[in-house]
Amino acid sequence: MCTNILVTVDSPDTAAATTYFATYRVDGYTDGALIPPRLPANIGHYEDTFRKIDGVWLMATRTLVLPFGGPTERLNAPSRS
């Protein structure tokens, strides 16, 4: 989930953006039952720069800032009857 995207146009051909995100992930399933809510696996933000080349905006750089990160939770495989 990405939120609070801030884009700053620095010149007609350059821009910068900051995008905050949280990722939620679980590996596995539970025989059709809903998986209880989990805490985010990662929380951080991207710091991107863009350049306009031949009339097209392209990403020039991306820096990942990840102050909170953890492993993917693994659920047990359902039992077979």
C-alpha atoms as a PDB file:
ATOM      1  CA  MET A   1       0.000   0.000   0.000  1.00  0.00           C
ATOM      2  CA  CYS A   2       1.491   3.356  -1.054  1.00  0.00           C
ATOM      3  CA  THR A   3       0.345   6.619   0.518  1.00  0.00           C
ATOM      4  CA  ASN A   4       1.260  10.291   0.820  1.00  0.00           C
ATOM      5  CA  ILE A   5       3.007  10.585  -2.552  1.00  0.00           C
ATOM      6  CA  LEU A   6       4.670  13.979  -2.827  1.00  0.00           C
ATOM      7  CA  VAL A   7       6.016  15.032  -6.240  1.00  0.00           C
ATOM      8  CA  THR A   8       8.126  18.173  -6.592  1.00  0.00           C
ATOM      9  CA  VAL A   9       8.829  19.487 -10.086  1.00  0.00           C
ATOM     10  CA  ASP A  10      12.305  21.021  -9.890  1.00  0.00           C
ATOM     11  CA  SER A  11      12.546  22.203 -13.512  1.00  0.00           C
ATOM     12  CA  PRO A  12      10.786  21.541 -16.832  1.00  0.00           C
ATOM     13  CA  ASP A  13      12.888  18.353 -17.181  1.00  0.00           C
ATOM     14  CA  THR A  14      13.491  17.113 -13.610  1.00  0.00           C
ATOM     15  CA  ALA A  15      11.325  16.110 -10.667  1.00  0.00           C
ATOM     16  CA  ALA A  16      11.605  14.304  -7.353  1.00  0.00           C
ATOM     17  CA  ALA A  17       9.088  12.223  -5.408  1.00  0.00           C
ATOM     18  CA  THR A  18       8.748  10.653  -1.986  1.00  0.00           C
ATOM     19  CA  THR A  19       6.343   7.718  -1.582  1.00  0.00           C
ATOM     20  CA  TYR A  20       5.573   6.101   1.772  1.00  0.00           C
ATOM     21  CA  PHE A  21       4.531   2.440   1.857  1.00  0.00           C
ATOM     22  CA  ALA A  22       3.552  -0.484   4.057  1.00  0.00           C
ATOM     23  CA  THR A  23       3.583  -4.097   2.873  1.00  0.00           C
ATOM     24  CA  TYR A  24       1.487  -6.887   4.328  1.00  0.00           C
ATOM     25  CA  ARG A  25       2.284 -10.467   3.374  1.00  0.00           C
ATOM     26  CA  VAL A  26       1.675 -14.025   4.457  1.00  0.00           C
ATOM     27  CA  ASP A  27       2.827 -17.155   2.629  1.00  0.00           C
ATOM     28  CA  GLY A  28       0.278 -19.969   2.663  1.00  0.00           C
ATOM     29  CA  TYR A  29      -3.435 -20.434   3.124  1.00  0.00           C
ATOM     30  CA  THR A  30      -5.938 -21.782   5.633  1.00  0.00           C
ATOM     31  CA  ASP A  31      -8.423 -24.200   3.971  1.00  0.00           C
ATOM     32  CA  GLY A  32     -10.720 -21.403   2.769  1.00  0.00           C
ATOM     33  CA  ALA A  33     -10.813 -19.528   6.088  1.00  0.00           C
ATOM     34  CA  LEU A  34      -9.885 -15.873   6.324  1.00  0.00           C
ATOM     35  CA  ILE A  35      -6.394 -15.156   7.587  1.00  0.00           C
ATOM     36  CA  PRO A  36      -6.497 -12.993  10.750  1.00  0.00           C
ATOM     37  CA  PRO A  37      -5.117  -9.438  10.309  1.00  0.00           C
ATOM     38  CA  ARG A  38      -1.346  -9.113  10.613  1.00  0.00           C
ATOM     39  CA  LEU A  39       1.020  -6.253  11.324  1.00  0.00           C
ATOM     40  CA  PRO A  40       2.882  -4.819   8.310  1.00  0.00           C
ATOM     41  CA  ALA A  41       5.951  -6.781   7.201  1.00  0.00           C
ATOM     42  CA  ASN A  42       7.731  -3.596   6.014  1.00  0.00           C
ATOM     43  CA  ILE A  43       7.275   0.127   6.479  1.00  0.00           C
ATOM     44  CA  GLY A  44       9.375   2.682   4.657  1.00  0.00           C
ATOM     45  CA  HIS A  45       9.563   5.088   1.765  1.00  0.00           C
ATOM     46  CA  TYR A  46      11.073   5.581  -1.675  1.00  0.00           C
ATOM     47  CA  GLU A  47      12.984   8.687  -2.720  1.00  0.00           C
ATOM     48  CA  ASP A  48      12.826   8.907  -6.522  1.00  0.00           C
ATOM     49  CA  THR A  49      14.183  11.300  -9.129  1.00  0.00           C
ATOM     50  CA  PHE A  50      12.828  11.678 -12.657  1.00  0.00           C
ATOM     51  CA  ARG A  51      14.129  13.154 -15.915  1.00  0.00           C
ATOM     52  CA  LYS A  52      12.188  14.121 -18.993  1.00  0.00           C
ATOM     53  CA  ILE A  53      13.980  12.773 -22.071  1.00  0.00           C
ATOM     54  CA  ASP A  54      12.557  13.278 -25.560  1.00  0.00           C
ATOM     55  CA  GLY A  55       9.219  14.306 -24.040  1.00  0.00           C
ATOM     56  CA  VAL A  56       8.918  11.181 -21.846  1.00  0.00           C
ATOM     57  CA  TRP A  57       9.279  11.166 -18.042  1.00  0.00           C
ATOM     58  CA  LEU A  58      11.653   8.403 -16.896  1.00  0.00           C
ATOM     59  CA  MET A  59      12.772   7.325 -13.442  1.00  0.00           C
ATOM     60  CA  ALA A  60      16.423   8.279 -12.989  1.00  0.00           C
ATOM     61  CA  THR A  61      17.104   7.012  -9.453  1.00  0.00           C
ATOM     62  CA  ARG A  62      15.324   5.219  -6.629  1.00  0.00           C
ATOM     63  CA  THR A  63      16.497   5.054  -3.022  1.00  0.00           C
ATOM     64  CA  LEU A  64      14.761   2.696  -0.596  1.00  0.00           C
ATOM     65  CA  VAL A  65      14.561   3.753   3.055  1.00  0.00           C
ATOM     66  CA  LEU A  66      13.413   0.783   5.158  1.00  0.00           C
ATOM     67  CA  PRO A  67      13.410   1.547   8.895  1.00  0.00           C
ATOM     68  CA  PHE A  68      11.083  -1.366   9.722  1.00  0.00           C
ATOM     69  CA  GLY A  69      11.332  -4.735   7.969  1.00  0.00           C
ATOM     70  CA  GLY A  70      10.773  -8.344   8.839  1.00  0.00           C
ATOM     71  CA  PRO A  71      10.465 -11.838   7.419  1.00  0.00           C
ATOM     72  CA  THR A  72       7.431 -13.195   5.592  1.00  0.00           C
ATOM     73  CA  GLU A  73       5.200 -15.146   7.951  1.00  0.00           C
ATOM     74  CA  ARG A  74       4.716 -18.744   6.812  1.00  0.00           C
ATOM     75  CA  LEU A  75       1.492 -20.599   7.578  1.00  0.00           C
ATOM     76  CA  ASN A  76       1.380 -24.376   7.967  1.00  0.00           C
ATOM     77  CA  ALA A  77       0.063 -26.274   4.978  1.00  0.00           C
ATOM     78  CA  PRO A  78      -3.496 -27.497   5.537  1.00  0.00           C
ATOM     79  CA  SER A  79      -3.793 -31.098   6.630  1.00  0.00           C
ATOM     80  CA  ARG A  80      -4.998 -33.604   4.049  1.00  0.00           C
ATOM     81  CA  SER A  81      -7.774 -35.938   5.061  1.00  0.00           C
END
